[in-house]
Amino acid sequence: MRLTLEESALEDDEVTEIEGIQFLVHKRDKVYFDEAKIDYVKTLLGGGEFKVLRV
């Protein structure tokens, strides 16, 4: 599963805010986020990305 940046929510998206960051999850994908954690991981080149981790 890949996380992407979006400018606005679609009609079937659920908006969740965590520590000031809004995450959009489409209703058909919501099942994949049950019992999951979103983490920010730094990359070797100094950047970073969000990862979905299973808990």
N, C-alpha and C. Protein backbone atom coordinates (compact mmCIF):
# COMPACT_ATOMS: atom_id res chain seq x y z
N MET A 1 0.85 -1.17 0.00
CA MET A 1 0.00 0.00 0.00
C MET A 1 0.89 1.23 0.00
N ARG A 2 0.53 2.18 -0.81
CA ARG A 2 1.34 3.39 -0.95
C ARG A 2 0.54 4.59 -0.48
N LEU A 3 1.18 5.45 0.28
CA LEU A 3 0.56 6.69 0.72
C LEU A 3 0.94 7.79 -0.25
N THR A 4 0.00 8.64 -0.61
CA THR A 4 0.26 9.75 -1.52
C THR A 4 -0.29 11.04 -0.94
N LEU A 5 0.18 12.16 -1.45
CA LEU A 5 -0.33 13.47 -1.06
C LEU A 5 -1.53 13.82 -1.93
N GLU A 6 -2.57 14.33 -1.32
CA GLU A 6 -3.77 14.75 -2.03
C GLU A 6 -4.11 16.17 -1.61
N GLU A 7 -4.69 16.93 -2.54
CA GLU A 7 -5.07 18.31 -2.22
C GLU A 7 -6.42 18.40 -1.53
N SER A 8 -7.32 17.47 -1.82
CA SER A 8 -8.65 17.52 -1.20
C SER A 8 -9.21 16.11 -1.09
N ALA A 9 -10.21 15.98 -0.22
CA ALA A 9 -10.85 14.69 0.02
C ALA A 9 -11.87 14.39 -1.07
N LEU A 10 -12.01 13.12 -1.39
CA LEU A 10 -13.08 12.67 -2.28
C LEU A 10 -14.34 12.41 -1.46
N GLU A 11 -15.44 12.21 -2.12
CA GLU A 11 -16.72 12.01 -1.44
C GLU A 11 -16.68 10.82 -0.48
N ASP A 12 -16.01 9.74 -0.84
CA ASP A 12 -15.98 8.53 -0.02
C ASP A 12 -14.76 8.44 0.91
N ASP A 13 -14.04 9.53 1.10
CA ASP A 13 -12.87 9.52 1.98
C ASP A 13 -13.28 9.83 3.41
N GLU A 14 -12.58 9.22 4.33
CA GLU A 14 -12.72 9.56 5.74
C GLU A 14 -11.49 10.36 6.14
N VAL A 15 -11.69 11.48 6.82
CA VAL A 15 -10.59 12.35 7.22
C VAL A 15 -10.28 12.10 8.69
N THR A 16 -9.00 11.81 8.97
CA THR A 16 -8.53 11.62 10.33
C THR A 16 -7.35 12.56 10.55
N GLU A 17 -7.34 13.26 11.68
CA GLU A 17 -6.24 14.16 11.97
C GLU A 17 -5.44 13.61 13.14
N ILE A 18 -4.12 13.52 12.95
CA ILE A 18 -3.22 13.03 13.99
C ILE A 18 -2.10 14.04 14.13
N GLU A 19 -1.99 14.65 15.32
CA GLU A 19 -0.96 15.64 15.62
C GLU A 19 -0.87 16.73 14.55
N GLY A 20 -2.03 17.22 14.10
CA GLY A 20 -2.09 18.32 13.16
C GLY A 20 -1.96 17.94 11.69
N ILE A 21 -1.79 16.67 11.40
CA ILE A 21 -1.67 16.21 10.01
C ILE A 21 -2.95 15.46 9.65
N GLN A 22 -3.57 15.86 8.54
CA GLN A 22 -4.80 15.20 8.11
C GLN A 22 -4.47 14.04 7.18
N PHE A 23 -5.09 12.90 7.45
CA PHE A 23 -4.95 11.71 6.61
C PHE A 23 -6.31 11.38 6.02
N LEU A 24 -6.33 11.09 4.72
CA LEU A 24 -7.55 10.71 4.03
C LEU A 24 -7.48 9.22 3.73
N VAL A 25 -8.55 8.51 4.06
CA VAL A 25 -8.61 7.08 3.78
C VAL A 25 -9.93 6.81 3.06
N HIS A 26 -9.85 6.23 1.87
CA HIS A 26 -11.05 5.89 1.12
C HIS A 26 -11.77 4.76 1.84
N LYS A 27 -13.10 4.78 1.82
CA LYS A 27 -13.86 3.80 2.60
C LYS A 27 -13.55 2.35 2.20
N ARG A 28 -13.20 2.09 0.94
CA ARG A 28 -12.89 0.71 0.54
C ARG A 28 -11.54 0.25 1.07
N ASP A 29 -10.66 1.20 1.45
CA ASP A 29 -9.33 0.87 1.97
C ASP A 29 -9.26 0.89 3.49
N LYS A 30 -10.33 1.32 4.13
CA LYS A 30 -10.33 1.48 5.59
C LYS A 30 -9.98 0.18 6.32
N VAL A 31 -10.40 -0.94 5.80
CA VAL A 31 -10.13 -2.24 6.44
C VAL A 31 -8.63 -2.49 6.59
N TYR A 32 -7.81 -1.96 5.69
CA TYR A 32 -6.36 -2.15 5.77
C TYR A 32 -5.73 -1.35 6.90
N PHE A 33 -6.44 -0.35 7.42
CA PHE A 33 -5.89 0.49 8.47
C PHE A 33 -6.37 0.10 9.86
N ASP A 34 -7.26 -0.88 9.97
CA ASP A 34 -7.65 -1.39 11.27
C ASP A 34 -6.44 -2.02 11.93
N GLU A 35 -6.20 -1.69 13.17
CA GLU A 35 -5.05 -2.23 13.92
C GLU A 35 -3.71 -1.88 13.27
N ALA A 36 -3.63 -0.72 12.62
CA ALA A 36 -2.39 -0.28 11.98
C ALA A 36 -1.90 1.01 12.62
N LYS A 37 -0.63 1.30 12.42
CA LYS A 37 -0.01 2.51 12.93
C LYS A 37 0.67 3.21 11.76
N ILE A 38 0.56 4.54 11.71
CA ILE A 38 1.25 5.32 10.68
C ILE A 38 2.48 5.93 11.33
N ASP A 39 3.64 5.70 10.73
CA ASP A 39 4.90 6.18 11.28
C ASP A 39 5.67 6.95 10.22
N TYR A 40 6.44 7.93 10.63
CA TYR A 40 7.30 8.69 9.73
C TYR A 40 8.70 8.13 9.87
N VAL A 41 9.27 7.67 8.77
CA VAL A 41 10.58 7.03 8.77
C VAL A 41 11.55 7.87 7.94
N LYS A 42 12.70 8.19 8.52
CA LYS A 42 13.73 8.93 7.79
C LYS A 42 14.45 7.99 6.82
N THR A 43 14.79 8.52 5.65
CA THR A 43 15.51 7.73 4.65
C THR A 43 17.01 8.00 4.75
N LEU A 44 17.79 7.21 4.06
CA LEU A 44 19.24 7.35 4.10
C LEU A 44 19.72 8.69 3.54
N LEU A 45 18.97 9.27 2.62
CA LEU A 45 19.37 10.53 1.98
C LEU A 45 18.88 11.76 2.74
N GLY A 46 18.33 11.58 3.94
CA GLY A 46 17.93 12.71 4.76
C GLY A 46 16.47 13.09 4.65
N GLY A 47 15.75 12.51 3.72
CA GLY A 47 14.33 12.78 3.59
C GLY A 47 13.55 11.86 4.51
N GLY A 48 12.31 11.66 4.20
CA GLY A 48 11.49 10.76 4.99
C GLY A 48 10.20 10.43 4.27
N GLU A 49 9.48 9.47 4.83
CA GLU A 49 8.20 9.07 4.24
C GLU A 49 7.34 8.43 5.33
N PHE A 50 6.04 8.47 5.11
CA PHE A 50 5.11 7.83 6.02
C PHE A 50 4.99 6.37 5.64
N LYS A 51 4.94 5.50 6.64
CA LYS A 51 4.79 4.05 6.43
C LYS A 51 3.62 3.57 7.26
N VAL A 52 2.88 2.61 6.73
CA VAL A 52 1.80 1.97 7.48
C VAL A 52 2.38 0.69 8.07
N LEU A 53 2.33 0.60 9.41
CA LEU A 53 2.87 -0.55 10.12
C LEU A 53 1.75 -1.35 10.73
N ARG A 54 1.81 -2.66 10.63
CA ARG A 54 0.83 -3.52 11.29
C ARG A 54 1.17 -3.64 12.75
N VAL A 55 0.17 -3.51 13.61
CA VAL A 55 0.37 -3.61 15.06
C VAL A 55 -0.12 -4.95 15.55
